[in-house]
Amino acid sequence: MAGFEAIYQVVTLIPEGRVTSYGAIAGYLGSKGGARLVGWAMNASHGQASIPAHRVVNRNGVLTGKNFFGGNRMQELLEAEGLVIKDDQILNFSAHFWDPSIELL
């Protein structure tokens, strides 16, 4: 599996108003079981404004990383990009899902 820098390179390509999952990034980078490493990379990225970590959620569209943003910041950032969140889950998740394995051919 690639290191944090490769993960960050993929995350910076996620368009505004779209989201992807930890597993989708891991799969794109050649490690289907590497979702946890992607999560660690997202946690370590806080404070780096160039990395839109708020656009990475779990495979069901749940804001599992929200505690690392403080308060409700992750939801606020996603809502500012036009997504609707209810009970920490993105509504109409499939319409906003960005799959790097398809988008980055």
N, C-alpha and C. Protein backbone atom coordinates (compact mmCIF):
# COMPACT_ATOMS: atom_id res chain seq x y z
N MET A 1 0.85 -1.19 0.00
CA MET A 1 0.00 0.00 0.00
C MET A 1 0.88 1.23 0.00
N ALA A 2 0.43 2.21 -0.69
CA ALA A 2 1.15 3.47 -0.77
C ALA A 2 1.14 4.17 0.59
N GLY A 3 2.03 5.11 0.76
CA GLY A 3 2.10 5.87 2.00
C GLY A 3 1.11 7.03 2.02
N PHE A 4 1.21 7.81 3.08
CA PHE A 4 0.29 8.93 3.28
C PHE A 4 0.31 9.90 2.10
N GLU A 5 1.48 10.17 1.53
CA GLU A 5 1.55 11.15 0.43
C GLU A 5 0.72 10.72 -0.76
N ALA A 6 0.75 9.43 -1.12
CA ALA A 6 -0.07 8.94 -2.24
C ALA A 6 -1.55 9.08 -1.91
N ILE A 7 -1.91 8.81 -0.68
CA ILE A 7 -3.30 8.97 -0.24
C ILE A 7 -3.70 10.43 -0.37
N TYR A 8 -2.85 11.33 0.10
CA TYR A 8 -3.15 12.76 0.03
C TYR A 8 -3.30 13.23 -1.42
N GLN A 9 -2.50 12.67 -2.31
CA GLN A 9 -2.61 13.06 -3.72
C GLN A 9 -3.99 12.71 -4.27
N VAL A 10 -4.52 11.55 -3.90
CA VAL A 10 -5.86 11.16 -4.35
C VAL A 10 -6.91 12.07 -3.71
N VAL A 11 -6.80 12.31 -2.42
CA VAL A 11 -7.80 13.10 -1.71
C VAL A 11 -7.88 14.52 -2.28
N THR A 12 -6.76 15.09 -2.68
CA THR A 12 -6.79 16.45 -3.23
C THR A 12 -7.52 16.51 -4.57
N LEU A 13 -7.76 15.36 -5.20
CA LEU A 13 -8.46 15.33 -6.49
C LEU A 13 -9.97 15.20 -6.35
N ILE A 14 -10.46 14.95 -5.14
CA ILE A 14 -11.91 14.81 -4.94
C ILE A 14 -12.55 16.18 -5.21
N PRO A 15 -13.46 16.25 -6.17
CA PRO A 15 -14.08 17.55 -6.49
C PRO A 15 -14.98 18.06 -5.36
N GLU A 16 -15.13 19.35 -5.29
CA GLU A 16 -16.04 19.97 -4.34
C GLU A 16 -17.44 19.43 -4.57
N GLY A 17 -18.14 19.12 -3.48
CA GLY A 17 -19.50 18.60 -3.57
C GLY A 17 -19.57 17.10 -3.78
N ARG A 18 -18.43 16.44 -3.79
CA ARG A 18 -18.36 14.98 -3.95
C ARG A 18 -17.63 14.39 -2.75
N VAL A 19 -17.84 13.12 -2.50
CA VAL A 19 -17.18 12.42 -1.40
C VAL A 19 -16.74 11.04 -1.88
N THR A 20 -15.80 10.48 -1.17
CA THR A 20 -15.38 9.11 -1.44
C THR A 20 -15.20 8.40 -0.11
N SER A 21 -14.86 7.13 -0.18
CA SER A 21 -14.71 6.35 1.04
C SER A 21 -13.25 5.96 1.25
N TYR A 22 -12.95 5.60 2.48
CA TYR A 22 -11.61 5.14 2.83
C TYR A 22 -11.25 3.93 1.96
N GLY A 23 -12.19 3.01 1.82
CA GLY A 23 -11.96 1.79 1.05
C GLY A 23 -11.77 2.05 -0.44
N ALA A 24 -12.49 3.03 -0.98
CA ALA A 24 -12.35 3.34 -2.40
C ALA A 24 -10.95 3.88 -2.70
N ILE A 25 -10.44 4.70 -1.79
CA ILE A 25 -9.07 5.22 -1.97
C ILE A 25 -8.07 4.08 -1.86
N ALA A 26 -8.23 3.22 -0.84
CA ALA A 26 -7.33 2.08 -0.66
C ALA A 26 -7.35 1.17 -1.88
N GLY A 27 -8.55 0.89 -2.39
CA GLY A 27 -8.67 0.04 -3.57
C GLY A 27 -7.98 0.63 -4.78
N TYR A 28 -8.16 1.93 -4.97
CA TYR A 28 -7.51 2.61 -6.09
C TYR A 28 -5.99 2.51 -5.98
N LEU A 29 -5.48 2.58 -4.76
CA LEU A 29 -4.03 2.53 -4.56
C LEU A 29 -3.50 1.09 -4.45
N GLY A 30 -4.38 0.10 -4.68
CA GLY A 30 -3.93 -1.27 -4.76
C GLY A 30 -3.99 -2.07 -3.48
N SER A 31 -4.73 -1.59 -2.50
CA SER A 31 -4.83 -2.33 -1.24
C SER A 31 -6.27 -2.32 -0.74
N LYS A 32 -7.04 -3.29 -1.19
CA LYS A 32 -8.45 -3.34 -0.80
C LYS A 32 -8.64 -3.33 0.70
N GLY A 33 -7.73 -3.90 1.45
CA GLY A 33 -7.85 -3.95 2.90
C GLY A 33 -7.19 -2.77 3.60
N GLY A 34 -6.81 -1.75 2.86
CA GLY A 34 -6.06 -0.65 3.44
C GLY A 34 -6.88 0.54 3.90
N ALA A 35 -8.19 0.36 4.08
CA ALA A 35 -9.05 1.47 4.48
C ALA A 35 -8.60 2.09 5.80
N ARG A 36 -8.14 1.27 6.71
CA ARG A 36 -7.71 1.78 8.02
C ARG A 36 -6.51 2.72 7.87
N LEU A 37 -5.58 2.38 6.98
CA LEU A 37 -4.43 3.24 6.74
C LEU A 37 -4.88 4.59 6.16
N VAL A 38 -5.88 4.55 5.28
CA VAL A 38 -6.41 5.79 4.73
C VAL A 38 -7.01 6.63 5.86
N GLY A 39 -7.69 5.99 6.78
CA GLY A 39 -8.24 6.70 7.94
C GLY A 39 -7.15 7.34 8.78
N TRP A 40 -6.06 6.62 9.00
CA TRP A 40 -4.94 7.18 9.77
C TRP A 40 -4.36 8.39 9.04
N ALA A 41 -4.27 8.28 7.72
CA ALA A 41 -3.74 9.41 6.93
C ALA A 41 -4.65 10.62 7.05
N MET A 42 -5.96 10.39 7.03
CA MET A 42 -6.90 11.51 7.15
C MET A 42 -6.77 12.15 8.53
N ASN A 43 -6.64 11.34 9.56
CA ASN A 43 -6.48 11.87 10.92
C ASN A 43 -5.20 12.69 11.03
N ALA A 44 -4.15 12.25 10.37
CA ALA A 44 -2.87 12.95 10.43
C ALA A 44 -2.84 14.22 9.57
N SER A 45 -3.83 14.37 8.70
CA SER A 45 -3.83 15.50 7.76
C SER A 45 -4.41 16.79 8.33
N HIS A 46 -5.02 16.72 9.49
CA HIS A 46 -5.65 17.92 10.04
C HIS A 46 -4.63 19.01 10.24
N GLY A 47 -5.00 20.21 9.86
CA GLY A 47 -4.08 21.33 9.90
C GLY A 47 -3.46 21.60 8.54
N GLN A 48 -3.66 20.68 7.60
CA GLN A 48 -3.17 20.88 6.23
C GLN A 48 -4.37 21.28 5.36
N ALA A 49 -4.55 22.56 5.17
CA ALA A 49 -5.73 23.08 4.48
C ALA A 49 -5.86 22.56 3.05
N SER A 50 -4.75 22.15 2.45
CA SER A 50 -4.79 21.69 1.06
C SER A 50 -5.37 20.29 0.91
N ILE A 51 -5.61 19.59 2.02
CA ILE A 51 -6.14 18.23 1.97
C ILE A 51 -7.59 18.25 2.47
N PRO A 52 -8.55 18.06 1.56
CA PRO A 52 -9.97 18.10 1.95
C PRO A 52 -10.44 16.80 2.60
N ALA A 53 -9.92 16.52 3.80
CA ALA A 53 -10.23 15.28 4.51
C ALA A 53 -11.72 15.14 4.81
N HIS A 54 -12.44 16.24 4.84
CA HIS A 54 -13.88 16.18 5.12
C HIS A 54 -14.64 15.44 4.02
N ARG A 55 -14.04 15.26 2.86
CA ARG A 55 -14.68 14.58 1.74
C ARG A 55 -14.48 13.07 1.76
N VAL A 56 -13.87 12.55 2.81
CA VAL A 56 -13.64 11.11 2.93
C VAL A 56 -14.49 10.58 4.08
N VAL A 57 -15.38 9.65 3.76
CA VAL A 57 -16.35 9.11 4.72
C VAL A 57 -16.31 7.58 4.66
N ASN A 58 -17.12 6.93 5.46
CA ASN A 58 -17.12 5.47 5.38
C ASN A 58 -17.96 5.00 4.19
N ARG A 59 -17.96 3.70 3.97
CA ARG A 59 -18.60 3.14 2.76
C ARG A 59 -20.10 3.33 2.72
N ASN A 60 -20.70 3.73 3.84
CA ASN A 60 -22.14 3.98 3.89
C ASN A 60 -22.48 5.46 3.91
N GLY A 61 -21.47 6.30 3.74
CA GLY A 61 -21.71 7.74 3.76
C GLY A 61 -21.82 8.35 5.13
N VAL A 62 -21.33 7.64 6.14
CA VAL A 62 -21.37 8.13 7.52
C VAL A 62 -20.10 8.92 7.81
N LEU A 63 -20.26 10.03 8.52
CA LEU A 63 -19.15 10.91 8.85
C LEU A 63 -18.37 10.34 10.04
N THR A 64 -17.71 9.23 9.82
CA THR A 64 -17.01 8.53 10.91
C THR A 64 -15.81 9.31 11.42
N GLY A 65 -15.24 10.19 10.62
CA GLY A 65 -14.07 10.95 11.06
C GLY A 65 -14.40 12.28 11.68
N LYS A 66 -15.66 12.55 11.93
CA LYS A 66 -16.07 13.88 12.38
C LYS A 66 -15.46 14.31 13.71
N ASN A 67 -15.16 13.38 14.58
CA ASN A 67 -14.59 13.73 15.88
C ASN A 67 -13.23 14.39 15.75
N PHE A 68 -12.52 14.12 14.66
CA PHE A 68 -11.19 14.69 14.46
C PHE A 68 -11.25 16.12 13.94
N PHE A 69 -12.46 16.58 13.58
CA PHE A 69 -12.62 17.95 13.08
C PHE A 69 -13.00 18.92 14.18
N GLY A 70 -13.50 18.40 15.28
CA GLY A 70 -13.95 19.25 16.36
C GLY A 70 -15.36 19.74 16.11
N GLY A 71 -16.22 19.58 17.08
CA GLY A 71 -17.60 20.04 16.95
C GLY A 71 -18.30 19.41 15.76
N ASN A 72 -18.95 20.24 14.98
CA ASN A 72 -19.72 19.79 13.82
C ASN A 72 -19.07 20.25 12.52
N ARG A 73 -17.76 20.50 12.57
CA ARG A 73 -17.05 21.12 11.44
C ARG A 73 -17.11 20.29 10.16
N MET A 74 -16.96 18.98 10.25
CA MET A 74 -17.00 18.15 9.05
C MET A 74 -18.34 18.30 8.34
N GLN A 75 -19.41 18.23 9.09
CA GLN A 75 -20.74 18.38 8.51
C GLN A 75 -20.91 19.77 7.91
N GLU A 76 -20.45 20.79 8.60
CA GLU A 76 -20.56 22.16 8.10
C GLU A 76 -19.83 22.32 6.77
N LEU A 77 -18.64 21.75 6.65
CA LEU A 77 -17.87 21.85 5.41
C LEU A 77 -18.59 21.15 4.26
N LEU A 78 -19.15 19.98 4.52
CA LEU A 78 -19.87 19.25 3.48
C LEU A 78 -21.16 19.97 3.09
N GLU A 79 -21.87 20.50 4.07
CA GLU A 79 -23.10 21.24 3.76
C GLU A 79 -22.80 22.49 2.95
N ALA A 80 -21.67 23.13 3.21
CA ALA A 80 -21.28 24.31 2.44
C ALA A 80 -21.01 23.96 0.98
N GLU A 81 -20.74 22.68 0.72
CA GLU A 81 -20.52 22.22 -0.65
C GLU A 81 -21.79 21.64 -1.27
N GLY A 82 -22.93 21.76 -0.57
CA GLY A 82 -24.21 21.36 -1.12
C GLY A 82 -24.73 19.99 -0.71
N LEU A 83 -24.01 19.27 0.14
CA LEU A 83 -24.48 17.97 0.58
C LEU A 83 -25.45 18.13 1.74
N VAL A 84 -26.36 17.20 1.86
CA VAL A 84 -27.33 17.20 2.96
C VAL A 84 -26.98 16.05 3.90
N ILE A 85 -26.85 16.38 5.18
CA ILE A 85 -26.46 15.41 6.19
C ILE A 85 -27.58 15.28 7.21
N LYS A 86 -27.92 14.04 7.55
CA LYS A 86 -28.89 13.80 8.61
C LYS A 86 -28.35 12.69 9.50
N ASP A 87 -28.31 12.94 10.79
CA ASP A 87 -27.81 11.96 11.76
C ASP A 87 -26.43 11.44 11.36
N ASP A 88 -25.54 12.36 10.98
CA ASP A 88 -24.15 12.06 10.61
C ASP A 88 -24.02 11.21 9.35
N GLN A 89 -25.04 11.18 8.51
CA GLN A 89 -24.97 10.40 7.27
C GLN A 89 -25.38 11.28 6.09
N ILE A 90 -24.64 11.14 4.99
CA ILE A 90 -24.92 11.90 3.78
C ILE A 90 -26.16 11.32 3.11
N LEU A 91 -27.15 12.17 2.88
CA LEU A 91 -28.36 11.73 2.17
C LEU A 91 -28.05 11.66 0.68
N ASN A 92 -28.64 10.70 0.00
CA ASN A 92 -28.41 10.49 -1.43
C ASN A 92 -26.92 10.29 -1.70
N PHE A 93 -26.28 9.50 -0.84
CA PHE A 93 -24.84 9.27 -0.87
C PHE A 93 -24.34 8.85 -2.26
N SER A 94 -25.05 7.94 -2.90
CA SER A 94 -24.58 7.41 -4.20
C SER A 94 -24.48 8.50 -5.26
N ALA A 95 -25.32 9.52 -5.17
CA ALA A 95 -25.26 10.61 -6.15
C ALA A 95 -24.04 11.50 -5.96
N HIS A 96 -23.46 11.48 -4.78
CA HIS A 96 -22.29 12.32 -4.47
C HIS A 96 -20.99 11.53 -4.44
N PHE A 97 -21.11 10.20 -4.58
CA PHE A 97 -19.93 9.34 -4.43
C PHE A 97 -18.99 9.51 -5.62
N TRP A 98 -17.73 9.70 -5.32
CA TRP A 98 -16.66 9.84 -6.31
C TRP A 98 -15.73 8.65 -6.15
N ASP A 99 -15.67 7.79 -7.18
CA ASP A 99 -14.84 6.59 -7.11
C ASP A 99 -13.56 6.82 -7.90
N PRO A 100 -12.42 6.92 -7.23
CA PRO A 100 -11.18 7.19 -7.95
C PRO A 100 -10.83 6.14 -8.99
N SER A 101 -11.27 4.89 -8.79
CA SER A 101 -10.98 3.83 -9.76
C SER A 101 -11.70 4.06 -11.08
N ILE A 102 -12.78 4.82 -11.04
CA ILE A 102 -13.53 5.16 -12.27
C ILE A 102 -13.13 6.55 -12.76
N GLU A 103 -13.08 7.49 -11.85
CA GLU A 103 -12.84 8.90 -12.21
C GLU A 103 -11.41 9.17 -12.66
N LEU A 104 -10.45 8.39 -12.20
CA LEU A 104 -9.05 8.66 -12.48
C LEU A 104 -8.45 7.63 -13.45
N LEU A 105 -9.22 7.24 -14.43
CA LEU A 105 -8.73 6.28 -15.44
C LEU A 105 -7.64 6.89 -16.28
